Amino acid sequence: MWKQSNDPEFHAKYARVKALYDKCPIRNAVICRRVRSLVLRPYHGRTWEQRGRVQQLPATYGRSFGVRHMLAFYDVHADVLGGAIYLRKGGEEFLHFLQELRKPYPRWMALYVILDNFSPHKRQDVREWASKNRIEMVFIAINASWMNRIECHFEPLRKFVLEGTFPRTHEELQRQLEEYLNRRNTHKRDEKLLRLQRRQEVA
């Protein structure tokens, strides 16, 4: 069950985001952004194995290898999913992420970046840099993560990358993610992928 948003500007924010999803402003791009934390642990679920040689996933109670963070993005109208791995998810990392996100797009193209209300997104230096570089930050309503269209892409990522695995190092996990993103962006119309996305898509 979703938590009901108590944002007094809920309807205005939803209308704004929905309009950007329905029609991309001319010569611009609409990009959703989200953070996903990554830990080294067994991810239970189904996987392909030779008959009689199914790997047993151990129980783990500690997280001795730390947490890393995938700063993910989704270009809504180009239908491209991507991201980068960071040790932290603070303002400096977000600013660097925006700087890298800006590079593939022509300077004349404005970017509408749809975000949640995480405090690093609202830092003064981040806002100033975004404004100077033709990036408009569009904030979704409080307690309405479903409004961010990137959310529906995390279920396929979990299914195809994590389920039934136990990555031993962050480098191994990062390789798995990069392989998935490359394949996902090459096979955008894969029916199983689309079915998982539609199951989670709301906004």
N, C-alpha and C. Protein backbone atom coordinates (compact mmCIF):
# COMPACT_ATOMS: atom_id res chain seq x y z
N MET A 1 0.85 -1.19 0.00
CA MET A 1 0.00 0.00 0.00
C MET A 1 0.89 1.25 0.00
N TRP A 2 0.53 2.22 -0.82
CA TRP A 2 1.29 3.47 -0.87
C TRP A 2 0.94 4.35 0.30
N LYS A 3 1.91 5.13 0.71
CA LYS A 3 1.67 6.15 1.71
C LYS A 3 1.08 7.37 1.03
N GLN A 4 -0.03 7.86 1.54
CA GLN A 4 -0.69 9.00 0.93
C GLN A 4 0.15 10.26 1.08
N SER A 5 0.32 10.98 -0.02
CA SER A 5 1.09 12.22 0.02
C SER A 5 0.26 13.31 0.68
N ASN A 6 0.90 14.05 1.58
CA ASN A 6 0.24 15.19 2.22
C ASN A 6 0.80 16.51 1.69
N ASP A 7 1.44 16.46 0.53
CA ASP A 7 2.03 17.66 -0.07
C ASP A 7 0.92 18.62 -0.48
N PRO A 8 0.94 19.85 0.00
CA PRO A 8 -0.12 20.81 -0.37
C PRO A 8 -0.10 21.16 -1.85
N GLU A 9 1.02 20.91 -2.53
CA GLU A 9 1.12 21.19 -3.96
C GLU A 9 1.05 19.91 -4.79
N PHE A 10 0.47 18.87 -4.22
CA PHE A 10 0.44 17.56 -4.88
C PHE A 10 -0.11 17.64 -6.29
N HIS A 11 -1.28 18.19 -6.46
CA HIS A 11 -1.95 18.18 -7.77
C HIS A 11 -1.17 18.98 -8.81
N ALA A 12 -0.60 20.10 -8.40
CA ALA A 12 0.20 20.90 -9.34
C ALA A 12 1.46 20.16 -9.76
N LYS A 13 2.13 19.51 -8.80
CA LYS A 13 3.34 18.77 -9.11
C LYS A 13 3.04 17.56 -10.00
N TYR A 14 1.95 16.88 -9.70
CA TYR A 14 1.59 15.72 -10.52
C TYR A 14 1.26 16.15 -11.95
N ALA A 15 0.51 17.24 -12.09
CA ALA A 15 0.16 17.72 -13.43
C ALA A 15 1.41 18.11 -14.22
N ARG A 16 2.36 18.73 -13.54
CA ARG A 16 3.61 19.14 -14.18
C ARG A 16 4.40 17.94 -14.68
N VAL A 17 4.56 16.95 -13.82
CA VAL A 17 5.32 15.76 -14.18
C VAL A 17 4.60 14.99 -15.28
N LYS A 18 3.31 14.84 -15.16
CA LYS A 18 2.54 14.07 -16.15
C LYS A 18 2.63 14.73 -17.52
N ALA A 19 2.59 16.06 -17.58
CA ALA A 19 2.71 16.76 -18.86
C ALA A 19 4.07 16.50 -19.50
N LEU A 20 5.13 16.45 -18.71
CA LEU A 20 6.46 16.17 -19.24
C LEU A 20 6.56 14.74 -19.74
N TYR A 21 5.89 13.81 -19.07
CA TYR A 21 5.88 12.43 -19.54
C TYR A 21 5.09 12.29 -20.84
N ASP A 22 3.98 12.96 -20.93
CA ASP A 22 3.10 12.81 -22.09
C ASP A 22 3.70 13.41 -23.36
N LYS A 23 4.40 14.53 -23.22
CA LYS A 23 4.97 15.20 -24.39
C LYS A 23 6.25 15.90 -24.01
N CYS A 24 7.33 15.54 -24.70
CA CYS A 24 8.62 16.17 -24.42
C CYS A 24 8.64 17.57 -25.02
N PRO A 25 9.02 18.57 -24.23
CA PRO A 25 9.17 19.92 -24.80
C PRO A 25 10.13 19.90 -25.99
N ILE A 26 9.83 20.66 -27.02
CA ILE A 26 10.61 20.66 -28.26
C ILE A 26 12.08 20.97 -27.98
N ARG A 27 12.96 20.14 -28.59
CA ARG A 27 14.42 20.31 -28.50
C ARG A 27 14.93 20.19 -27.07
N ASN A 28 14.21 19.45 -26.22
CA ASN A 28 14.63 19.26 -24.84
C ASN A 28 14.60 17.77 -24.49
N ALA A 29 14.94 17.44 -23.25
CA ALA A 29 14.90 16.05 -22.78
C ALA A 29 14.32 16.01 -21.37
N VAL A 30 13.60 14.94 -21.09
CA VAL A 30 13.00 14.72 -19.77
C VAL A 30 13.69 13.52 -19.13
N ILE A 31 14.31 13.73 -17.98
CA ILE A 31 15.12 12.70 -17.35
C ILE A 31 14.69 12.49 -15.90
N CYS A 32 14.46 11.24 -15.54
CA CYS A 32 14.15 10.90 -14.15
C CYS A 32 15.42 10.45 -13.45
N ARG A 33 15.55 10.80 -12.19
CA ARG A 33 16.75 10.45 -11.43
C ARG A 33 16.37 9.83 -10.10
N ARG A 34 17.14 8.81 -9.67
CA ARG A 34 16.85 8.13 -8.41
C ARG A 34 18.13 7.50 -7.89
N VAL A 35 18.20 7.32 -6.56
CA VAL A 35 19.34 6.65 -5.93
C VAL A 35 18.91 5.25 -5.51
N ARG A 36 19.76 4.27 -5.78
CA ARG A 36 19.53 2.91 -5.29
C ARG A 36 20.78 2.47 -4.54
N SER A 37 20.62 2.06 -3.28
CA SER A 37 21.75 1.59 -2.48
C SER A 37 22.08 0.15 -2.84
N LEU A 38 23.36 -0.18 -2.86
CA LEU A 38 23.83 -1.51 -3.25
C LEU A 38 24.64 -2.12 -2.11
N VAL A 39 24.27 -3.33 -1.72
CA VAL A 39 25.02 -4.03 -0.68
C VAL A 39 25.39 -5.43 -1.19
N LEU A 40 26.47 -5.98 -0.63
CA LEU A 40 26.91 -7.32 -0.99
C LEU A 40 26.23 -8.31 -0.06
N ARG A 41 25.24 -8.98 -0.58
CA ARG A 41 24.48 -9.96 0.20
C ARG A 41 23.85 -10.95 -0.76
N PRO A 42 23.38 -12.10 -0.26
CA PRO A 42 22.65 -13.03 -1.14
C PRO A 42 21.30 -12.43 -1.53
N TYR A 43 20.99 -12.49 -2.83
CA TYR A 43 19.69 -12.04 -3.33
C TYR A 43 18.91 -13.28 -3.75
N HIS A 44 17.93 -13.63 -2.95
CA HIS A 44 17.20 -14.87 -3.21
C HIS A 44 16.27 -14.71 -4.41
N GLY A 45 15.97 -15.86 -5.02
CA GLY A 45 15.09 -15.88 -6.18
C GLY A 45 15.51 -16.97 -7.14
N ARG A 46 14.88 -17.03 -8.29
CA ARG A 46 15.16 -18.05 -9.28
C ARG A 46 16.33 -17.65 -10.18
N THR A 47 17.08 -18.66 -10.64
CA THR A 47 18.19 -18.40 -11.56
C THR A 47 18.44 -19.67 -12.37
N TRP A 48 19.23 -19.57 -13.43
CA TRP A 48 19.56 -20.73 -14.26
C TRP A 48 20.78 -21.44 -13.69
N GLU A 49 20.66 -22.77 -13.49
CA GLU A 49 21.77 -23.60 -13.03
C GLU A 49 21.65 -24.97 -13.68
N GLN A 50 22.81 -25.68 -13.76
CA GLN A 50 22.76 -27.05 -14.25
C GLN A 50 21.96 -27.92 -13.28
N ARG A 51 21.24 -28.87 -13.82
CA ARG A 51 20.44 -29.77 -12.99
C ARG A 51 21.32 -30.48 -11.97
N GLY A 52 20.90 -30.43 -10.70
CA GLY A 52 21.62 -31.11 -9.64
C GLY A 52 22.79 -30.32 -9.10
N ARG A 53 23.02 -29.09 -9.62
CA ARG A 53 24.17 -28.30 -9.16
C ARG A 53 23.73 -26.89 -8.74
N VAL A 54 22.58 -26.82 -8.14
CA VAL A 54 22.04 -25.53 -7.72
C VAL A 54 22.86 -24.98 -6.56
N GLN A 55 23.31 -23.73 -6.70
CA GLN A 55 24.11 -23.10 -5.66
C GLN A 55 23.22 -22.70 -4.49
N GLN A 56 23.64 -23.04 -3.30
CA GLN A 56 22.91 -22.65 -2.10
C GLN A 56 23.40 -21.29 -1.62
N LEU A 57 22.47 -20.36 -1.45
CA LEU A 57 22.85 -19.04 -0.98
C LEU A 57 22.95 -19.05 0.54
N PRO A 58 24.07 -18.60 1.09
CA PRO A 58 24.25 -18.62 2.54
C PRO A 58 23.49 -17.49 3.22
N ALA A 59 23.28 -17.66 4.50
CA ALA A 59 22.72 -16.57 5.30
C ALA A 59 23.86 -15.64 5.71
N THR A 60 23.63 -14.34 5.64
CA THR A 60 24.63 -13.38 6.08
C THR A 60 23.96 -12.39 7.02
N TYR A 61 24.69 -12.01 8.06
CA TYR A 61 24.12 -11.12 9.07
C TYR A 61 24.91 -9.81 9.19
N GLY A 62 26.05 -9.73 8.52
CA GLY A 62 26.85 -8.51 8.57
C GLY A 62 26.96 -7.89 7.19
N ARG A 63 27.33 -6.63 7.17
CA ARG A 63 27.56 -5.92 5.91
C ARG A 63 28.95 -5.30 5.99
N SER A 64 29.97 -6.19 6.01
CA SER A 64 31.34 -5.74 6.29
C SER A 64 32.00 -5.06 5.10
N PHE A 65 31.38 -5.07 3.93
CA PHE A 65 32.00 -4.47 2.75
C PHE A 65 31.40 -3.11 2.42
N GLY A 66 30.58 -2.57 3.29
CA GLY A 66 30.04 -1.24 3.08
C GLY A 66 28.94 -1.18 2.04
N VAL A 67 28.42 0.01 1.87
CA VAL A 67 27.33 0.25 0.94
C VAL A 67 27.81 1.21 -0.14
N ARG A 68 27.42 0.95 -1.37
CA ARG A 68 27.64 1.90 -2.45
C ARG A 68 26.29 2.31 -3.03
N HIS A 69 26.32 3.34 -3.83
CA HIS A 69 25.05 3.92 -4.28
C HIS A 69 25.06 4.11 -5.79
N MET A 70 24.03 3.60 -6.41
CA MET A 70 23.84 3.79 -7.85
C MET A 70 22.97 5.02 -8.07
N LEU A 71 23.54 6.06 -8.65
CA LEU A 71 22.78 7.23 -9.03
C LEU A 71 22.28 6.97 -10.45
N ALA A 72 21.03 6.58 -10.54
CA ALA A 72 20.46 6.12 -11.81
C ALA A 72 19.69 7.24 -12.49
N PHE A 73 19.61 7.15 -13.83
CA PHE A 73 18.80 8.10 -14.58
C PHE A 73 18.04 7.36 -15.68
N TYR A 74 16.93 7.93 -16.10
CA TYR A 74 16.12 7.37 -17.18
C TYR A 74 15.66 8.50 -18.08
N ASP A 75 16.10 8.50 -19.33
CA ASP A 75 15.65 9.46 -20.33
C ASP A 75 14.31 8.97 -20.85
N VAL A 76 13.24 9.64 -20.46
CA VAL A 76 11.88 9.13 -20.68
C VAL A 76 11.58 8.95 -22.16
N HIS A 77 11.84 9.93 -22.97
CA HIS A 77 11.41 9.88 -24.37
C HIS A 77 12.41 9.18 -25.28
N ALA A 78 13.67 9.13 -24.88
CA ALA A 78 14.66 8.33 -25.62
C ALA A 78 14.64 6.88 -25.15
N ASP A 79 14.00 6.61 -24.01
CA ASP A 79 13.92 5.27 -23.42
C ASP A 79 15.30 4.68 -23.18
N VAL A 80 16.13 5.44 -22.47
CA VAL A 80 17.50 5.01 -22.15
C VAL A 80 17.67 5.03 -20.64
N LEU A 81 18.17 3.93 -20.09
CA LEU A 81 18.43 3.79 -18.66
C LEU A 81 19.92 3.74 -18.42
N GLY A 82 20.40 4.47 -17.41
CA GLY A 82 21.83 4.46 -17.12
C GLY A 82 22.08 4.82 -15.67
N GLY A 83 23.35 4.94 -15.32
CA GLY A 83 23.69 5.28 -13.94
C GLY A 83 25.18 5.19 -13.69
N ALA A 84 25.57 5.64 -12.51
CA ALA A 84 26.96 5.59 -12.09
C ALA A 84 27.00 5.22 -10.61
N ILE A 85 28.10 4.58 -10.19
CA ILE A 85 28.25 4.11 -8.83
C ILE A 85 29.13 5.08 -8.04
N TYR A 86 28.65 5.44 -6.83
CA TYR A 86 29.39 6.36 -5.96
C TYR A 86 29.50 5.75 -4.56
N LEU A 87 30.54 6.17 -3.84
CA LEU A 87 30.72 5.72 -2.47
C LEU A 87 29.71 6.39 -1.53
N ARG A 88 29.33 7.63 -1.85
CA ARG A 88 28.38 8.38 -1.04
C ARG A 88 27.28 8.92 -1.95
N LYS A 89 26.25 9.50 -1.34
CA LYS A 89 25.14 10.05 -2.13
C LYS A 89 24.81 11.47 -1.68
N GLY A 90 25.86 12.24 -1.35
CA GLY A 90 25.68 13.60 -0.87
C GLY A 90 25.63 14.62 -2.00
N GLY A 91 25.72 15.88 -1.62
CA GLY A 91 25.62 16.96 -2.58
C GLY A 91 26.74 16.98 -3.60
N GLU A 92 27.99 16.70 -3.16
CA GLU A 92 29.12 16.71 -4.09
C GLU A 92 28.94 15.62 -5.16
N GLU A 93 28.48 14.46 -4.73
CA GLU A 93 28.27 13.36 -5.68
C GLU A 93 27.13 13.70 -6.64
N PHE A 94 26.07 14.32 -6.11
CA PHE A 94 24.95 14.67 -6.99
C PHE A 94 25.36 15.73 -8.01
N LEU A 95 26.15 16.70 -7.58
CA LEU A 95 26.62 17.73 -8.51
C LEU A 95 27.50 17.10 -9.59
N HIS A 96 28.38 16.21 -9.21
CA HIS A 96 29.21 15.51 -10.20
C HIS A 96 28.35 14.69 -11.15
N PHE A 97 27.33 14.04 -10.61
CA PHE A 97 26.41 13.26 -11.43
C PHE A 97 25.73 14.16 -12.47
N LEU A 98 25.24 15.33 -12.05
CA LEU A 98 24.61 16.26 -12.99
C LEU A 98 25.58 16.71 -14.07
N GLN A 99 26.82 16.97 -13.69
CA GLN A 99 27.83 17.40 -14.65
C GLN A 99 28.08 16.32 -15.70
N GLU A 100 28.13 15.06 -15.26
CA GLU A 100 28.32 13.96 -16.20
C GLU A 100 27.08 13.74 -17.05
N LEU A 101 25.91 13.90 -16.44
CA LEU A 101 24.65 13.72 -17.16
C LEU A 101 24.50 14.77 -18.27
N ARG A 102 24.99 15.97 -18.03
CA ARG A 102 24.86 17.06 -18.99
C ARG A 102 25.70 16.83 -20.25
N LYS A 103 26.83 16.15 -20.14
CA LYS A 103 27.82 16.06 -21.21
C LYS A 103 27.30 15.45 -22.52
N PRO A 104 26.51 14.35 -22.50
CA PRO A 104 26.11 13.74 -23.78
C PRO A 104 25.10 14.57 -24.57
N TYR A 105 24.47 15.55 -23.94
CA TYR A 105 23.44 16.33 -24.61
C TYR A 105 24.02 17.63 -25.16
N PRO A 106 23.54 18.08 -26.33
CA PRO A 106 24.01 19.36 -26.88
C PRO A 106 23.76 20.51 -25.91
N ARG A 107 24.62 21.51 -25.97
CA ARG A 107 24.49 22.63 -25.03
C ARG A 107 23.19 23.40 -25.23
N TRP A 108 22.64 23.40 -26.47
CA TRP A 108 21.40 24.13 -26.71
C TRP A 108 20.18 23.40 -26.17
N MET A 109 20.32 22.14 -25.79
CA MET A 109 19.19 21.35 -25.31
C MET A 109 19.01 21.53 -23.80
N ALA A 110 17.82 21.91 -23.38
CA ALA A 110 17.51 22.00 -21.96
C ALA A 110 17.11 20.64 -21.42
N LEU A 111 17.45 20.38 -20.17
CA LEU A 111 17.12 19.11 -19.52
C LEU A 111 16.14 19.37 -18.38
N TYR A 112 15.06 18.62 -18.35
CA TYR A 112 14.13 18.63 -17.23
C TYR A 112 14.42 17.38 -16.41
N VAL A 113 14.96 17.55 -15.21
CA VAL A 113 15.36 16.41 -14.39
C VAL A 113 14.36 16.25 -13.25
N ILE A 114 13.67 15.12 -13.24
CA ILE A 114 12.62 14.85 -12.25
C ILE A 114 13.24 14.16 -11.05
N LEU A 115 13.03 14.74 -9.86
CA LEU A 115 13.73 14.33 -8.65
C LEU A 115 12.77 14.19 -7.48
N ASP A 116 13.22 13.42 -6.46
CA ASP A 116 12.51 13.43 -5.19
C ASP A 116 13.05 14.58 -4.34
N ASN A 117 12.62 14.67 -3.10
CA ASN A 117 12.93 15.82 -2.25
C ASN A 117 14.11 15.58 -1.32
N PHE A 118 15.04 14.73 -1.73
CA PHE A 118 16.26 14.46 -0.98
C PHE A 118 17.05 15.76 -0.84
N SER A 119 17.53 16.07 0.36
CA SER A 119 18.11 17.39 0.64
C SER A 119 19.28 17.77 -0.28
N PRO A 120 20.20 16.84 -0.69
CA PRO A 120 21.28 17.26 -1.59
C PRO A 120 20.78 17.83 -2.91
N HIS A 121 19.57 17.45 -3.33
CA HIS A 121 19.02 17.96 -4.58
C HIS A 121 18.73 19.46 -4.50
N LYS A 122 18.61 19.99 -3.28
CA LYS A 122 18.19 21.37 -3.11
C LYS A 122 19.30 22.28 -2.61
N ARG A 123 20.54 21.79 -2.61
CA ARG A 123 21.66 22.63 -2.19
C ARG A 123 21.82 23.83 -3.11
N GLN A 124 22.26 24.93 -2.54
CA GLN A 124 22.38 26.17 -3.30
C GLN A 124 23.36 26.03 -4.46
N ASP A 125 24.53 25.39 -4.22
CA ASP A 125 25.51 25.26 -5.30
C ASP A 125 24.99 24.37 -6.43
N VAL A 126 24.20 23.36 -6.07
CA VAL A 126 23.60 22.49 -7.08
C VAL A 126 22.59 23.27 -7.92
N ARG A 127 21.73 24.03 -7.25
CA ARG A 127 20.72 24.82 -7.97
C ARG A 127 21.39 25.84 -8.90
N GLU A 128 22.43 26.51 -8.42
CA GLU A 128 23.10 27.52 -9.24
C GLU A 128 23.75 26.90 -10.47
N TRP A 129 24.44 25.77 -10.28
CA TRP A 129 25.08 25.12 -11.42
C TRP A 129 24.03 24.64 -12.43
N ALA A 130 22.94 24.06 -11.94
CA ALA A 130 21.88 23.58 -12.83
C ALA A 130 21.29 24.73 -13.64
N SER A 131 21.04 25.85 -12.98
CA SER A 131 20.46 27.00 -13.67
C SER A 131 21.38 27.52 -14.77
N LYS A 132 22.68 27.55 -14.51
CA LYS A 132 23.65 28.05 -15.50
C LYS A 132 23.82 27.10 -16.67
N ASN A 133 23.44 25.85 -16.49
CA ASN A 133 23.69 24.84 -17.51
C ASN A 133 22.39 24.26 -18.10
N ARG A 134 21.36 25.06 -18.08
CA ARG A 134 20.08 24.73 -18.72
C ARG A 134 19.49 23.42 -18.20
N ILE A 135 19.55 23.23 -16.90
CA ILE A 135 18.90 22.09 -16.26
C ILE A 135 17.83 22.63 -15.32
N GLU A 136 16.59 22.20 -15.56
CA GLU A 136 15.50 22.58 -14.66
C GLU A 136 15.16 21.37 -13.79
N MET A 137 15.25 21.54 -12.49
CA MET A 137 14.93 20.45 -11.56
C MET A 137 13.45 20.50 -11.22
N VAL A 138 12.77 19.39 -11.49
CA VAL A 138 11.33 19.29 -11.27
C VAL A 138 11.11 18.30 -10.13
N PHE A 139 10.57 18.78 -9.01
CA PHE A 139 10.43 17.93 -7.83
C PHE A 139 9.05 17.28 -7.77
N ILE A 140 9.06 15.99 -7.49
CA ILE A 140 7.79 15.27 -7.32
C ILE A 140 7.22 15.61 -5.94
N ALA A 141 5.98 15.21 -5.70
CA ALA A 141 5.34 15.47 -4.42
C ALA A 141 5.99 14.65 -3.30
N ILE A 142 5.89 15.14 -2.08
CA ILE A 142 6.40 14.43 -0.91
C ILE A 142 5.63 13.12 -0.74
N ASN A 143 6.35 12.04 -0.39
CA ASN A 143 5.75 10.72 -0.18
C ASN A 143 5.01 10.23 -1.42
N ALA A 144 5.57 10.50 -2.60
CA ALA A 144 4.94 10.06 -3.85
C ALA A 144 6.02 9.57 -4.81
N SER A 145 6.84 8.63 -4.36
CA SER A 145 7.94 8.15 -5.19
C SER A 145 7.42 7.51 -6.48
N TRP A 146 6.19 6.98 -6.46
CA TRP A 146 5.61 6.38 -7.66
C TRP A 146 5.46 7.39 -8.80
N MET A 147 5.52 8.67 -8.47
CA MET A 147 5.40 9.72 -9.49
C MET A 147 6.64 9.80 -10.38
N ASN A 148 7.75 9.22 -9.92
CA ASN A 148 9.00 9.22 -10.67
C ASN A 148 9.03 7.96 -11.55
N ARG A 149 9.02 8.15 -12.84
CA ARG A 149 8.87 7.02 -13.76
C ARG A 149 10.06 6.07 -13.75
N ILE A 150 11.19 6.46 -13.19
CA ILE A 150 12.32 5.54 -13.12
C ILE A 150 12.02 4.37 -12.19
N GLU A 151 11.07 4.55 -11.28
CA GLU A 151 10.77 3.51 -10.29
C GLU A 151 10.40 2.18 -10.95
N CYS A 152 9.67 2.23 -12.07
CA CYS A 152 9.22 0.97 -12.69
C CYS A 152 10.37 0.21 -13.34
N HIS A 153 11.55 0.82 -13.44
CA HIS A 153 12.69 0.14 -14.06
C HIS A 153 13.56 -0.58 -13.04
N PHE A 154 13.30 -0.40 -11.76
CA PHE A 154 14.09 -1.10 -10.75
C PHE A 154 13.64 -2.54 -10.56
N GLU A 155 12.38 -2.86 -10.86
CA GLU A 155 11.93 -4.24 -10.75
C GLU A 155 12.62 -5.13 -11.79
N PRO A 156 12.67 -4.73 -13.08
CA PRO A 156 13.46 -5.54 -14.03
C PRO A 156 14.93 -5.63 -13.65
N LEU A 157 15.50 -4.55 -13.13
CA LEU A 157 16.89 -4.58 -12.72
C LEU A 157 17.09 -5.61 -11.61
N ARG A 158 16.20 -5.61 -10.63
CA ARG A 158 16.30 -6.60 -9.57
C ARG A 158 16.15 -8.02 -10.12
N LYS A 159 15.21 -8.19 -11.05
CA LYS A 159 14.91 -9.52 -11.59
C LYS A 159 16.08 -10.07 -12.41
N PHE A 160 16.63 -9.25 -13.28
CA PHE A 160 17.64 -9.72 -14.23
C PHE A 160 19.07 -9.63 -13.71
N VAL A 161 19.32 -8.77 -12.71
CA VAL A 161 20.69 -8.57 -12.23
C VAL A 161 20.92 -9.24 -10.88
N LEU A 162 20.01 -9.05 -9.94
CA LEU A 162 20.27 -9.44 -8.56
C LEU A 162 19.69 -10.80 -8.18
N GLU A 163 18.53 -11.13 -8.68
CA GLU A 163 17.82 -12.32 -8.21
C GLU A 163 18.65 -13.58 -8.37
N GLY A 164 18.78 -14.34 -7.29
CA GLY A 164 19.50 -15.61 -7.32
C GLY A 164 21.01 -15.47 -7.37
N THR A 165 21.56 -14.31 -6.99
CA THR A 165 23.00 -14.11 -7.05
C THR A 165 23.55 -13.75 -5.67
N PHE A 166 24.87 -13.84 -5.56
CA PHE A 166 25.56 -13.41 -4.34
C PHE A 166 26.88 -12.78 -4.76
N PRO A 167 26.88 -11.51 -5.20
CA PRO A 167 28.13 -10.84 -5.60
C PRO A 167 29.07 -10.71 -4.41
N ARG A 168 30.33 -11.08 -4.62
CA ARG A 168 31.32 -11.06 -3.52
C ARG A 168 32.04 -9.73 -3.41
N THR A 169 32.09 -8.95 -4.49
CA THR A 169 32.77 -7.66 -4.46
C THR A 169 31.88 -6.62 -5.15
N HIS A 170 32.12 -5.36 -4.81
CA HIS A 170 31.36 -4.29 -5.47
C HIS A 170 31.73 -4.18 -6.95
N GLU A 171 32.96 -4.55 -7.29
CA GLU A 171 33.36 -4.53 -8.70
C GLU A 171 32.56 -5.57 -9.49
N GLU A 172 32.35 -6.73 -8.90
CA GLU A 172 31.55 -7.77 -9.55
C GLU A 172 30.10 -7.30 -9.74
N LEU A 173 29.55 -6.69 -8.70
CA LEU A 173 28.18 -6.19 -8.78
C LEU A 173 28.07 -5.08 -9.83
N GLN A 174 29.07 -4.22 -9.89
CA GLN A 174 29.05 -3.14 -10.88
C GLN A 174 29.10 -3.70 -12.30
N ARG A 175 29.90 -4.74 -12.53
CA ARG A 175 29.95 -5.37 -13.86
C ARG A 175 28.59 -5.94 -14.23
N GLN A 176 27.92 -6.57 -13.28
CA GLN A 176 26.59 -7.11 -13.54
C GLN A 176 25.62 -6.01 -13.95
N LEU A 177 25.67 -4.89 -13.26
CA LEU A 177 24.79 -3.77 -13.57
C LEU A 177 25.10 -3.19 -14.95
N GLU A 178 26.37 -3.02 -15.26
CA GLU A 178 26.76 -2.45 -16.55
C GLU A 178 26.33 -3.36 -17.70
N GLU A 179 26.49 -4.67 -17.52
CA GLU A 179 26.06 -5.61 -18.55
C GLU A 179 24.56 -5.55 -18.76
N TYR A 180 23.82 -5.44 -17.67
CA TYR A 180 22.36 -5.34 -17.80
C TYR A 180 21.95 -4.06 -18.52
N LEU A 181 22.54 -2.92 -18.15
CA LEU A 181 22.17 -1.65 -18.76
C LEU A 181 22.46 -1.66 -20.26
N ASN A 182 23.60 -2.21 -20.65
CA ASN A 182 23.93 -2.31 -22.07
C ASN A 182 22.92 -3.17 -22.81
N ARG A 183 22.58 -4.30 -22.23
CA ARG A 183 21.62 -5.20 -22.88
C ARG A 183 20.23 -4.58 -22.89
N ARG A 184 19.84 -3.97 -21.78
CA ARG A 184 18.51 -3.38 -21.69
C ARG A 184 18.32 -2.27 -22.73
N ASN A 185 19.32 -1.43 -22.93
CA ASN A 185 19.21 -0.33 -23.88
C ASN A 185 19.31 -0.80 -25.32
N THR A 186 19.83 -2.01 -25.53
CA THR A 186 19.90 -2.59 -26.87
C THR A 186 18.63 -3.35 -27.22
N HIS A 187 17.96 -3.89 -26.21
CA HIS A 187 16.75 -4.70 -26.43
C HIS A 187 15.57 -4.08 -25.67
N LYS A 188 15.24 -2.85 -26.03
CA LYS A 188 14.20 -2.10 -25.30
C LYS A 188 12.81 -2.71 -25.45
N ARG A 189 12.57 -3.44 -26.54
CA ARG A 189 11.24 -3.97 -26.80
C ARG A 189 11.10 -5.42 -26.37
N ASP A 190 12.05 -5.92 -25.59
CA ASP A 190 11.94 -7.29 -25.08
C ASP A 190 10.64 -7.43 -24.28
N GLU A 191 9.83 -8.42 -24.62
CA GLU A 191 8.49 -8.53 -24.04
C GLU A 191 8.51 -8.77 -22.53
N LYS A 192 9.45 -9.57 -22.05
CA LYS A 192 9.52 -9.82 -20.61
C LYS A 192 9.90 -8.54 -19.87
N LEU A 193 10.82 -7.78 -20.44
CA LEU A 193 11.22 -6.50 -19.85
C LEU A 193 10.03 -5.55 -19.80
N LEU A 194 9.31 -5.43 -20.91
CA LEU A 194 8.16 -4.52 -20.97
C LEU A 194 7.07 -4.94 -19.99
N ARG A 195 6.88 -6.24 -19.84
CA ARG A 195 5.84 -6.72 -18.92
C ARG A 195 6.16 -6.35 -17.48
N LEU A 196 7.43 -6.49 -17.09
CA LEU A 196 7.82 -6.11 -15.73
C LEU A 196 7.71 -4.60 -15.49
N GLN A 197 8.04 -3.81 -16.54
CA GLN A 197 7.94 -2.36 -16.41
C GLN A 197 6.48 -1.93 -16.27
N ARG A 198 5.60 -2.51 -17.09
CA ARG A 198 4.19 -2.12 -17.04
C ARG A 198 3.57 -2.48 -15.70
N ARG A 199 4.03 -3.58 -15.11
CA ARG A 199 3.47 -4.02 -13.82
C ARG A 199 3.69 -2.99 -12.72
N GLN A 200 4.81 -2.23 -12.84
CA GLN A 200 5.17 -1.26 -11.81
C GLN A 200 4.82 0.17 -12.19
N GLU A 201 4.55 0.42 -13.46
CA GLU A 201 4.35 1.80 -13.92
C GLU A 201 3.04 2.37 -13.42
N VAL A 202 3.09 3.57 -12.90
CA VAL A 202 1.88 4.24 -12.39
C VAL A 202 1.71 5.59 -13.06
N ALA A 203 2.71 6.47 -12.89
CA ALA A 203 2.60 7.84 -13.40
C ALA A 203 2.72 7.89 -14.91
